[in-house]
Amino acid sequence: MSDKKIVCFGEVLWDVLPTGKQPGGAPFNVAVHLHQLGLSADLISRVGDDDLGTELLDFIELKGLSTEFVQRGKTHLTGVVKANVDDANEVTYKIVQPVAWDYIQYDAALEQLVAQADMFVFGSLAARQAATRETLYRLLEHAKFKVFDVNVRPPHYTKEVVKYLLEKANLVKMNHHELAEIMAWFGQETDKPTAMQWLATRFDLQAVCVTCGADGALLWTNNQLYRAPGVAVEVKDTIGSGDAFLAALLKGWLAGTEPGEALRFACATGALVATHLGATPTFSEAEVAELLAAQVA
């Protein structure tokens, strides 16, 4: 699997929690977890030419990722998000703007990187401002397989942008709240299996994945619905759990793993991360397998 290359595009930032600040941003978290699962991952992002930016670059390298495609800008500060973790299972965010990752600049090196990758992972948050959105749209034209991690954060998205990204995607992952909202835009059924099948048909998607928190996840692919139950754990916080879930699901997809098995592994990976504080705790595949085995026992 180490020969498979995935590029993650978008925000890298500091999550400011009551306990202090921690590195985060969905694309960054996904890249870290992909790396931990044995895949080659690159991050396209931008930080400010400030102390927080320097700290982030150091942390990215500490996690074993390259900073080659993380730009540094002098005009905007490094991204910061204030996270409210009063409810450990439903974290809410106040996302500062504009910041450095709103201004990711297009260049030929990024185009080449994306064109050569097996997968290109992106979300809707990075598309909130014109500069980064334009770069994303241009890069999408060169990607072989496009993974849209919906990740809508009010008020940082529009229906038009989300619809456009759905049209460009091959695989889409969202949570059950996002599924219900998107289906309401189209006046369609919000019943999950029906909605997922409709989305796959409407946007010509190879796969639609919906996470349901403690209730596990659903995956629609090859005209078939797969279900995986939630994995019972003692939750410290859910920051980064969905990103770990996505990384594990993509690993299974690239390896050609049976979809139901890949979904179960992804649920266990997300659950394992929720037993730690922060978005990118260190873990091994053996720990995920152990957690899965404990569920069966």
C-alpha atoms as a PDB file:
ATOM      1  CA  MET A   1       0.000   0.000   0.000  1.00  0.00           C
ATOM      2  CA  SER A   2       2.961   2.332   0.463  1.00  0.00           C
ATOM      3  CA  ASP A   3       3.060   2.807  -3.318  1.00  0.00           C
ATOM      4  CA  LYS A   4      -0.405   4.416  -3.215  1.00  0.00           C
ATOM      5  CA  LYS A   5      -0.299   8.204  -3.012  1.00  0.00           C
ATOM      6  CA  ILE A   6      -3.075  10.385  -1.656  1.00  0.00           C
ATOM      7  CA  VAL A   7      -3.163  14.188  -1.720  1.00  0.00           C
ATOM      8  CA  CYS A   8      -5.252  16.075   0.856  1.00  0.00           C
ATOM      9  CA  PHE A   9      -6.201  19.678   0.086  1.00  0.00           C
ATOM     10  CA  GLY A  10      -7.391  22.446   2.382  1.00  0.00           C
ATOM     11  CA  GLU A  11      -7.166  23.801   5.887  1.00  0.00           C
ATOM     12  CA  VAL A  12      -4.450  23.230   8.467  1.00  0.00           C
ATOM     13  CA  LEU A  13      -4.973  25.204  11.650  1.00  0.00           C
ATOM     14  CA  TRP A  14      -4.963  25.347  15.418  1.00  0.00           C
ATOM     15  CA  ASP A  15      -7.978  24.017  17.332  1.00  0.00           C
ATOM     16  CA  VAL A  16      -8.160  26.161  20.452  1.00  0.00           C
ATOM     17  CA  LEU A  17      -9.627  24.045  23.262  1.00  0.00           C
ATOM     18  CA  PRO A  18     -10.150  24.768  26.972  1.00  0.00           C
ATOM     19  CA  THR A  19      -7.045  22.625  27.585  1.00  0.00           C
ATOM     20  CA  GLY A  20      -4.918  24.586  25.091  1.00  0.00           C
ATOM     21  CA  LYS A  21      -4.287  24.589  21.341  1.00  0.00           C
ATOM     22  CA  GLN A  22      -3.891  21.520  19.153  1.00  0.00           C
ATOM     23  CA  PRO A  23      -3.099  21.140  15.430  1.00  0.00           C
ATOM     24  CA  GLY A  24      -6.120  20.314  13.281  1.00  0.00           C
ATOM     25  CA  GLY A  25      -8.074  20.851  10.086  1.00  0.00           C
ATOM     26  CA  ALA A  26      -9.836  17.929   8.390  1.00  0.00           C
ATOM     27  CA  PRO A  27      -7.463  17.549   5.381  1.00  0.00           C
ATOM     28  CA  PHE A  28      -4.445  17.621   7.683  1.00  0.00           C
ATOM     29  CA  ASN A  29      -6.019  15.105  10.081  1.00  0.00           C
ATOM     30  CA  VAL A  30      -6.878  12.755   7.207  1.00  0.00           C
ATOM     31  CA  ALA A  31      -3.294  12.990   5.886  1.00  0.00           C
ATOM     32  CA  VAL A  32      -1.838  12.164   9.322  1.00  0.00           C
ATOM     33  CA  HIS A  33      -4.123   9.140   9.740  1.00  0.00           C
ATOM     34  CA  LEU A  34      -3.400   7.901   6.208  1.00  0.00           C
ATOM     35  CA  HIS A  35       0.306   8.064   7.020  1.00  0.00           C
ATOM     36  CA  GLN A  36      -0.259   6.140  10.262  1.00  0.00           C
ATOM     37  CA  LEU A  37      -2.101   3.482   8.255  1.00  0.00           C
ATOM     38  CA  GLY A  38       0.872   3.032   5.944  1.00  0.00           C
ATOM     39  CA  LEU A  39      -0.097   5.153   2.946  1.00  0.00           C
ATOM     40  CA  SER A  40       1.836   7.979   1.312  1.00  0.00           C
ATOM     41  CA  ALA A  41       0.009  11.257   1.961  1.00  0.00           C
ATOM     42  CA  ASP A  42       0.775  14.825   0.916  1.00  0.00           C
ATOM     43  CA  LEU A  43      -0.904  17.964   2.223  1.00  0.00           C
ATOM     44  CA  ILE A  44      -1.645  21.071   0.144  1.00  0.00           C
ATOM     45  CA  SER A  45      -2.353  24.001   2.439  1.00  0.00           C
ATOM     46  CA  ARG A  46      -1.083  27.404   3.569  1.00  0.00           C
ATOM     47  CA  VAL A  47       0.024  28.920   6.876  1.00  0.00           C
ATOM     48  CA  GLY A  48       0.988  32.428   7.880  1.00  0.00           C
ATOM     49  CA  ASP A  49       4.546  33.698   8.200  1.00  0.00           C
ATOM     50  CA  ASP A  50       4.125  33.780  11.989  1.00  0.00           C
ATOM     51  CA  ASP A  51       4.980  31.769  15.096  1.00  0.00           C
ATOM     52  CA  LEU A  52       1.792  29.703  14.875  1.00  0.00           C
ATOM     53  CA  GLY A  53       2.632  28.837  11.270  1.00  0.00           C
ATOM     54  CA  THR A  54       6.158  27.765  12.199  1.00  0.00           C
ATOM     55  CA  GLU A  55       4.770  25.613  15.009  1.00  0.00           C
ATOM     56  CA  LEU A  56       2.323  23.951  12.621  1.00  0.00           C
ATOM     57  CA  LEU A  57       5.041  23.196  10.075  1.00  0.00           C
ATOM     58  CA  ASP A  58       7.142  21.623  12.830  1.00  0.00           C
ATOM     59  CA  PHE A  59       4.188  19.498  13.946  1.00  0.00           C
ATOM     60  CA  ILE A  60       3.433  18.364  10.379  1.00  0.00           C
ATOM     61  CA  GLU A  61       7.018  17.131  10.067  1.00  0.00           C
ATOM     62  CA  LEU A  62       6.839  15.528  13.509  1.00  0.00           C
ATOM     63  CA  LYS A  63       3.891  13.476  12.236  1.00  0.00           C
ATOM     64  CA  GLY A  64       6.012  12.221   9.328  1.00  0.00           C
ATOM     65  CA  LEU A  65       4.470  14.363   6.588  1.00  0.00           C
ATOM     66  CA  SER A  66       6.211  16.628   4.086  1.00  0.00           C
ATOM     67  CA  THR A  67       5.690  20.391   4.280  1.00  0.00           C
ATOM     68  CA  GLU A  68       6.794  20.871   0.666  1.00  0.00           C
ATOM     69  CA  PHE A  69       3.289  21.817  -0.494  1.00  0.00           C
ATOM     70  CA  VAL A  70       2.279  23.833   2.574  1.00  0.00           C
ATOM     71  CA  GLN A  71       2.674  27.429   1.428  1.00  0.00           C
ATOM     72  CA  ARG A  72       3.675  30.356   3.674  1.00  0.00           C
ATOM     73  CA  GLY A  73       1.954  33.697   3.226  1.00  0.00           C
ATOM     74  CA  LYS A  74       2.834  37.118   4.619  1.00  0.00           C
ATOM     75  CA  THR A  75      -0.570  38.748   4.180  1.00  0.00           C
ATOM     76  CA  HIS A  76      -2.773  36.525   6.390  1.00  0.00           C
ATOM     77  CA  LEU A  77      -2.324  34.827   9.744  1.00  0.00           C
ATOM     78  CA  THR A  78      -2.263  31.086  10.371  1.00  0.00           C
ATOM     79  CA  GLY A  79      -5.741  29.597  10.813  1.00  0.00           C
ATOM     80  CA  VAL A  80      -7.353  29.307  14.244  1.00  0.00           C
ATOM     81  CA  VAL A  81     -10.583  27.569  15.272  1.00  0.00           C
ATOM     82  CA  LYS A  82     -12.208  27.871  18.682  1.00  0.00           C
ATOM     83  CA  ALA A  83     -13.708  24.500  19.571  1.00  0.00           C
ATOM     84  CA  ASN A  84     -16.499  24.098  22.123  1.00  0.00           C
ATOM     85  CA  VAL A  85     -16.283  20.621  23.653  1.00  0.00           C
ATOM     86  CA  ASP A  86     -19.002  20.985  26.302  1.00  0.00           C
ATOM     87  CA  ASP A  87     -20.691  18.040  24.557  1.00  0.00           C
ATOM     88  CA  ALA A  88     -17.951  15.473  23.879  1.00  0.00           C
ATOM     89  CA  ASN A  89     -20.092  13.769  21.211  1.00  0.00           C
ATOM     90  CA  GLU A  90     -21.064  16.938  19.306  1.00  0.00           C
ATOM     91  CA  VAL A  91     -18.190  19.411  19.120  1.00  0.00           C
ATOM     92  CA  THR A  92     -19.017  22.884  17.739  1.00  0.00           C
ATOM     93  CA  TYR A  93     -16.567  25.302  16.118  1.00  0.00           C
ATOM     94  CA  LYS A  94     -16.035  29.018  15.622  1.00  0.00           C
ATOM     95  CA  ILE A  95     -13.794  29.338  12.570  1.00  0.00           C
ATOM     96  CA  VAL A  96     -11.811  32.575  12.180  1.00  0.00           C
ATOM     97  CA  GLN A  97     -11.638  34.159   8.707  1.00  0.00           C
ATOM     98  CA  PRO A  98      -9.932  35.212   6.544  1.00  0.00           C
ATOM     99  CA  VAL A  99      -6.726  33.294   7.302  1.00  0.00           C
ATOM    100  CA  ALA A 100      -3.764  31.892   5.381  1.00  0.00           C
ATOM    101  CA  TRP A 101      -5.470  28.704   4.113  1.00  0.00           C
ATOM    102  CA  ASP A 102      -8.118  30.859   2.407  1.00  0.00           C
ATOM    103  CA  TYR A 103      -5.374  31.926  -0.042  1.00  0.00           C
ATOM    104  CA  ILE A 104      -3.804  28.697  -1.339  1.00  0.00           C
ATOM    105  CA  GLN A 105      -2.120  29.664  -4.622  1.00  0.00           C
ATOM    106  CA  TYR A 106      -2.238  27.515  -7.749  1.00  0.00           C
ATOM    107  CA  ASP A 107       1.050  26.456  -9.362  1.00  0.00           C
ATOM    108  CA  ALA A 108       2.338  23.816 -11.767  1.00  0.00           C
ATOM    109  CA  ALA A 109       3.928  21.735  -8.981  1.00  0.00           C
ATOM    110  CA  LEU A 110       0.518  21.276  -7.327  1.00  0.00           C
ATOM    111  CA  GLU A 111      -1.031  20.296 -10.638  1.00  0.00           C
ATOM    112  CA  GLN A 112       1.640  17.650 -11.195  1.00  0.00           C
ATOM    113  CA  LEU A 113       1.287  16.332  -7.628  1.00  0.00           C
ATOM    114  CA  VAL A 114      -2.484  15.928  -7.965  1.00  0.00           C
ATOM    115  CA  ALA A 115      -2.298  14.422 -11.464  1.00  0.00           C
ATOM    116  CA  GLN A 116       0.076  11.700 -10.225  1.00  0.00           C
ATOM    117  CA  ALA A 117      -1.906  10.838  -7.067  1.00  0.00           C
ATOM    118  CA  ASP A 118      -4.230   7.838  -6.723  1.00  0.00           C
ATOM    119  CA  MET A 119      -6.721   9.950  -4.753  1.00  0.00           C
ATOM    120  CA  PHE A 120      -7.419  13.634  -4.147  1.00  0.00           C
ATOM    121  CA  VAL A 121      -9.242  14.439  -0.889  1.00  0.00           C
ATOM    122  CA  PHE A 122     -10.965  17.797  -0.330  1.00  0.00           C
ATOM    123  CA  GLY A 123     -13.810  19.360   1.659  1.00  0.00           C
ATOM    124  CA  SER A 124     -16.232  22.255   1.427  1.00  0.00           C
ATOM    125  CA  LEU A 125     -14.646  24.440   4.122  1.00  0.00           C
ATOM    126  CA  ALA A 126     -11.564  25.249   2.046  1.00  0.00           C
ATOM    127  CA  ALA A 127     -13.869  26.502  -0.713  1.00  0.00           C
ATOM    128  CA  ARG A 128     -15.382  29.303   1.420  1.00  0.00           C
ATOM    129  CA  GLN A 129     -13.172  32.047  -0.110  1.00  0.00           C
ATOM    130  CA  ALA A 130     -12.557  32.709  -3.804  1.00  0.00           C
ATOM    131  CA  ALA A 131      -8.752  32.288  -3.896  1.00  0.00           C
ATOM    132  CA  THR A 132      -8.540  28.768  -2.452  1.00  0.00           C
ATOM    133  CA  ARG A 133     -11.808  27.772  -4.143  1.00  0.00           C
ATOM    134  CA  GLU A 134     -10.391  28.699  -7.545  1.00  0.00           C
ATOM    135  CA  THR A 135      -7.224  26.679  -6.850  1.00  0.00           C
ATOM    136  CA  LEU A 136      -9.319  23.692  -5.772  1.00  0.00           C
ATOM    137  CA  TYR A 137     -11.520  23.875  -8.870  1.00  0.00           C
ATOM    138  CA  ARG A 138      -8.475  23.948 -11.148  1.00  0.00           C
ATOM    139  CA  LEU A 139      -6.821  21.004  -9.373  1.00  0.00           C
ATOM    140  CA  LEU A 140     -10.009  18.921  -9.567  1.00  0.00           C
ATOM    141  CA  GLU A 141      -9.641  18.925 -13.345  1.00  0.00           C
ATOM    142  CA  HIS A 142      -6.368  16.953 -12.997  1.00  0.00           C
ATOM    143  CA  ALA A 143      -7.341  14.448 -10.274  1.00  0.00           C
ATOM    144  CA  LYS A 144      -7.882  10.757 -11.125  1.00  0.00           C
ATOM    145  CA  PHE A 145     -10.151   9.874  -8.205  1.00  0.00           C
ATOM    146  CA  LYS A 146     -11.833  12.607  -6.187  1.00  0.00           C
ATOM    147  CA  VAL A 147     -12.940  12.173  -2.565  1.00  0.00           C
ATOM    148  CA  PHE A 148     -15.323  14.842  -1.243  1.00  0.00           C
ATOM    149  CA  ASP A 149     -15.375  15.005   2.555  1.00  0.00           C
ATOM    150  CA  VAL A 150     -18.461  17.238   2.792  1.00  0.00           C
ATOM    151  CA  ASN A 151     -17.756  18.691   6.265  1.00  0.00           C
ATOM    152  CA  VAL A 152     -20.134  21.682   6.101  1.00  0.00           C
ATOM    153  CA  ARG A 153     -19.613  24.277   8.823  1.00  0.00           C
ATOM    154  CA  PRO A 154     -22.233  27.065   8.970  1.00  0.00           C
ATOM    155  CA  PRO A 155     -21.920  29.775   7.711  1.00  0.00           C
ATOM    156  CA  HIS A 156     -18.847  28.766   5.673  1.00  0.00           C
ATOM    157  CA  TYR A 157     -20.543  27.179   2.664  1.00  0.00           C
ATOM    158  CA  THR A 158     -23.154  27.715  -0.028  1.00  0.00           C
ATOM    159  CA  LYS A 159     -25.490  25.212  -1.670  1.00  0.00           C
ATOM    160  CA  GLU A 160     -24.014  26.077  -5.064  1.00  0.00           C
ATOM    161  CA  VAL A 161     -20.447  25.217  -4.037  1.00  0.00           C
ATOM    162  CA  VAL A 162     -21.454  21.969  -2.319  1.00  0.00           C
ATOM    163  CA  LYS A 163     -23.475  20.916  -5.384  1.00  0.00           C
ATOM    164  CA  TYR A 164     -20.542  21.703  -7.681  1.00  0.00           C
ATOM    165  CA  LEU A 165     -18.176  19.608  -5.529  1.00  0.00           C
ATOM    166  CA  LEU A 166     -20.682  16.729  -5.514  1.00  0.00           C
ATOM    167  CA  GLU A 167     -20.719  16.858  -9.314  1.00  0.00           C
ATOM    168  CA  LYS A 168     -16.923  16.577  -9.433  1.00  0.00           C
ATOM    169  CA  ALA A 169     -16.582  13.764  -6.866  1.00  0.00           C
ATOM    170  CA  ASN A 170     -16.194   9.997  -7.238  1.00  0.00           C
ATOM    171  CA  LEU A 171     -16.610   9.106  -3.550  1.00  0.00           C
ATOM    172  CA  VAL A 172     -18.489  11.254  -1.033  1.00  0.00           C
ATOM    173  CA  LYS A 173     -18.412  11.021   2.759  1.00  0.00           C
ATOM    174  CA  MET A 174     -20.750  12.985   5.016  1.00  0.00           C
ATOM    175  CA  ASN A 175     -22.493  12.649   8.373  1.00  0.00           C
ATOM    176  CA  HIS A 176     -26.222  11.977   8.803  1.00  0.00           C
ATOM    177  CA  HIS A 177     -26.991  15.637   9.570  1.00  0.00           C
ATOM    178  CA  GLU A 178     -25.321  16.722   6.312  1.00  0.00           C
ATOM    179  CA  LEU A 179     -27.200  14.048   4.365  1.00  0.00           C
ATOM    180  CA  ALA A 180     -30.543  15.305   5.684  1.00  0.00           C
ATOM    181  CA  GLU A 181     -29.677  18.916   4.857  1.00  0.00           C
ATOM    182  CA  ILE A 182     -28.487  18.170   1.323  1.00  0.00           C
ATOM    183  CA  MET A 183     -31.538  16.041   0.554  1.00  0.00           C
ATOM    184  CA  ALA A 184     -33.791  18.875   1.739  1.00  0.00           C
ATOM    185  CA  TRP A 185     -32.156  21.162  -0.868  1.00  0.00           C
ATOM    186  CA  PHE A 186     -33.372  18.803  -3.576  1.00  0.00           C
ATOM    187  CA  GLY A 187     -36.761  18.078  -1.974  1.00  0.00           C
ATOM    188  CA  GLN A 188     -35.849  14.390  -1.740  1.00  0.00           C
ATOM    189  CA  GLU A 189     -36.428  11.582   0.769  1.00  0.00           C
ATOM    190  CA  THR A 190     -34.236  11.810   3.878  1.00  0.00           C
ATOM    191  CA  ASP A 191     -34.444   8.072   4.614  1.00  0.00           C
ATOM    192  CA  LYS A 192     -30.736   7.218   4.574  1.00  0.00           C
ATOM    193  CA  PRO A 193     -30.586   4.235   2.165  1.00  0.00           C
ATOM    194  CA  THR A 194     -32.999   5.917  -0.270  1.00  0.00           C
ATOM    195  CA  ALA A 195     -31.132   9.217  -0.047  1.00  0.00           C
ATOM    196  CA  MET A 196     -27.720   7.618  -0.576  1.00  0.00           C
ATOM    197  CA  GLN A 197     -28.906   5.724  -3.633  1.00  0.00           C
ATOM    198  CA  TRP A 198     -30.462   8.912  -5.029  1.00  0.00           C
ATOM    199  CA  LEU A 199     -27.243  10.886  -4.505  1.00  0.00           C
ATOM    200  CA  ALA A 200     -25.140   8.171  -6.161  1.00  0.00           C
ATOM    201  CA  THR A 201     -27.407   8.185  -9.195  1.00  0.00           C
ATOM    202  CA  ARG A 202     -27.884  11.968  -9.394  1.00  0.00           C
ATOM    203  CA  PHE A 203     -24.158  12.745  -9.193  1.00  0.00           C
ATOM    204  CA  ASP A 204     -22.774   9.576 -10.818  1.00  0.00           C
ATOM    205  CA  LEU A 205     -20.859   8.620  -7.663  1.00  0.00           C
ATOM    206  CA  GLN A 206     -18.977   5.362  -7.192  1.00  0.00           C
ATOM    207  CA  ALA A 207     -19.650   5.473  -3.451  1.00  0.00           C
ATOM    208  CA  VAL A 208     -21.610   7.421  -0.831  1.00  0.00           C
ATOM    209  CA  CYS A 209     -20.653   6.991   2.815  1.00  0.00           C
ATOM    210  CA  VAL A 210     -22.692   8.352   5.741  1.00  0.00           C
ATOM    211  CA  THR A 211     -21.444   8.335   9.321  1.00  0.00           C
ATOM    212  CA  CYS A 212     -24.029   8.155  12.114  1.00  0.00           C
ATOM    213  CA  GLY A 213     -21.955   8.854  15.235  1.00  0.00           C
ATOM    214  CA  ALA A 214     -22.333   6.138  17.863  1.00  0.00           C
ATOM    215  CA  ASP A 215     -24.694   4.263  15.510  1.00  0.00           C
ATOM    216  CA  GLY A 216     -21.911   3.405  13.057  1.00  0.00           C
ATOM    217  CA  ALA A 217     -21.931   4.084   9.320  1.00  0.00           C
ATOM    218  CA  LEU A 218     -23.509   3.213   5.973  1.00  0.00           C
ATOM    219  CA  LEU A 219     -21.838   2.774   2.589  1.00  0.00           C
ATOM    220  CA  TRP A 220     -23.584   2.655  -0.780  1.00  0.00           C
ATOM    221  CA  THR A 221     -21.425   1.270  -3.586  1.00  0.00           C
ATOM    222  CA  ASN A 222     -21.896  -1.164  -6.504  1.00  0.00           C
ATOM    223  CA  ASN A 223     -25.702  -0.772  -6.137  1.00  0.00           C
ATOM    224  CA  GLN A 224     -25.503  -2.266  -2.668  1.00  0.00           C
ATOM    225  CA  LEU A 225     -25.878  -0.915   0.869  1.00  0.00           C
ATOM    226  CA  TYR A 226     -23.399  -1.915   3.562  1.00  0.00           C
ATOM    227  CA  ARG A 227     -23.888  -1.227   7.275  1.00  0.00           C
ATOM    228  CA  ALA A 228     -21.431  -1.258  10.156  1.00  0.00           C
ATOM    229  CA  PRO A 229     -22.523  -0.841  13.779  1.00  0.00           C
ATOM    230  CA  GLY A 230     -20.976   1.691  16.111  1.00  0.00           C
ATOM    231  CA  VAL A 231     -18.047   0.564  18.246  1.00  0.00           C
ATOM    232  CA  ALA A 232     -18.668   1.149  21.951  1.00  0.00           C
ATOM    233  CA  VAL A 233     -15.814   3.094  23.568  1.00  0.00           C
ATOM    234  CA  GLU A 234     -15.311   5.615  26.337  1.00  0.00           C
ATOM    235  CA  VAL A 235     -15.236   8.903  24.431  1.00  0.00           C
ATOM    236  CA  LYS A 236     -12.670  11.564  25.397  1.00  0.00           C
ATOM    237  CA  ASP A 237     -13.599  13.771  22.431  1.00  0.00           C
ATOM    238  CA  THR A 238     -14.713  13.195  18.840  1.00  0.00           C
ATOM    239  CA  ILE A 239     -12.338  15.715  17.220  1.00  0.00           C
ATOM    240  CA  GLY A 240     -10.608  13.931  14.338  1.00  0.00           C
ATOM    241  CA  SER A 241     -12.725  10.760  14.613  1.00  0.00           C
ATOM    242  CA  GLY A 242     -14.463  11.335  11.284  1.00  0.00           C
ATOM    243  CA  ASP A 243     -11.104  12.077   9.652  1.00  0.00           C
ATOM    244  CA  ALA A 244      -9.604   8.844  10.996  1.00  0.00           C
ATOM    245  CA  PHE A 245     -12.710   7.003   9.778  1.00  0.00           C
ATOM    246  CA  LEU A 246     -12.246   8.429   6.270  1.00  0.00           C
ATOM    247  CA  ALA A 247      -8.531   7.590   6.170  1.00  0.00           C
ATOM    248  CA  ALA A 248      -9.265   3.976   7.140  1.00  0.00           C
ATOM    249  CA  LEU A 249     -12.091   3.701   4.600  1.00  0.00           C
ATOM    250  CA  LEU A 250      -9.826   5.006   1.821  1.00  0.00           C
ATOM    251  CA  LYS A 251      -7.129   2.515   2.791  1.00  0.00           C
ATOM    252  CA  GLY A 252      -9.670  -0.287   2.401  1.00  0.00           C
ATOM    253  CA  TRP A 253     -10.913   1.126  -0.899  1.00  0.00           C
ATOM    254  CA  LEU A 254      -7.413   1.304  -2.382  1.00  0.00           C
ATOM    255  CA  ALA A 255      -6.601  -2.204  -1.143  1.00  0.00           C
ATOM    256  CA  GLY A 256      -9.756  -3.625  -2.732  1.00  0.00           C
ATOM    257  CA  THR A 257     -11.074  -4.783   0.650  1.00  0.00           C
ATOM    258  CA  GLU A 258     -14.658  -6.100   0.754  1.00  0.00           C
ATOM    259  CA  PRO A 259     -16.785  -2.958   1.407  1.00  0.00           C
ATOM    260  CA  GLY A 260     -18.479  -4.215   4.569  1.00  0.00           C
ATOM    261  CA  GLU A 261     -15.133  -5.179   6.076  1.00  0.00           C
ATOM    262  CA  ALA A 262     -13.601  -1.824   5.103  1.00  0.00           C
ATOM    263  CA  LEU A 263     -16.546  -0.021   6.713  1.00  0.00           C
ATOM    264  CA  ARG A 264     -16.191  -1.972   9.983  1.00  0.00           C
ATOM    265  CA  PHE A 265     -12.471  -1.216  10.103  1.00  0.00           C
ATOM    266  CA  ALA A 266     -13.189   2.477   9.457  1.00  0.00           C
ATOM    267  CA  CYS A 267     -15.752   2.601  12.295  1.00  0.00           C
ATOM    268  CA  ALA A 268     -13.274   1.003  14.689  1.00  0.00           C
ATOM    269  CA  THR A 269     -10.536   3.436  13.647  1.00  0.00           C
ATOM    270  CA  GLY A 270     -12.797   6.436  14.263  1.00  0.00           C
ATOM    271  CA  ALA A 271     -13.862   5.017  17.623  1.00  0.00           C
ATOM    272  CA  LEU A 272     -10.250   4.424  18.672  1.00  0.00           C
ATOM    273  CA  VAL A 273      -9.340   8.062  17.970  1.00  0.00           C
ATOM    274  CA  ALA A 274     -12.342   9.173  20.063  1.00  0.00           C
ATOM    275  CA  THR A 275     -10.800   7.464  23.106  1.00  0.00           C
ATOM    276  CA  HIS A 276      -7.959  10.032  22.947  1.00  0.00           C
ATOM    277  CA  LEU A 277      -7.904  13.797  23.309  1.00  0.00           C
ATOM    278  CA  GLY A 278      -7.121  15.691  20.102  1.00  0.00           C
ATOM    279  CA  ALA A 279      -7.480  14.985  16.402  1.00  0.00           C
ATOM    280  CA  THR A 280      -4.271  13.102  15.596  1.00  0.00           C
ATOM    281  CA  PRO A 281      -3.299  10.703  18.403  1.00  0.00           C
ATOM    282  CA  THR A 282      -0.758   8.015  17.549  1.00  0.00           C
ATOM    283  CA  PHE A 283      -2.252   4.562  17.011  1.00  0.00           C
ATOM    284  CA  SER A 284      -1.499   1.344  15.147  1.00  0.00           C
ATOM    285  CA  GLU A 285      -3.541  -0.964  12.924  1.00  0.00           C
ATOM    286  CA  ALA A 286      -3.023  -3.662  15.555  1.00  0.00           C
ATOM    287  CA  GLU A 287      -4.925  -1.520  18.089  1.00  0.00           C
ATOM    288  CA  VAL A 288      -7.787  -1.104  15.619  1.00  0.00           C
ATOM    289  CA  ALA A 289      -7.889  -4.871  15.024  1.00  0.00           C
ATOM    290  CA  GLU A 290      -7.869  -5.475  18.782  1.00  0.00           C
ATOM    291  CA  LEU A 291     -10.819  -3.106  19.261  1.00  0.00           C
ATOM    292  CA  LEU A 292     -12.738  -4.849  16.459  1.00  0.00           C
ATOM    293  CA  ALA A 293     -12.021  -8.269  17.928  1.00  0.00           C
ATOM    294  CA  ALA A 294     -13.272  -7.113  21.331  1.00  0.00           C
ATOM    295  CA  GLN A 295     -16.594  -6.109  19.741  1.00  0.00           C
ATOM    296  CA  VAL A 296     -17.064  -9.585  18.261  1.00  0.00           C
ATOM    297  CA  ALA A 297     -16.089 -11.378  21.466  1.00  0.00           C
END
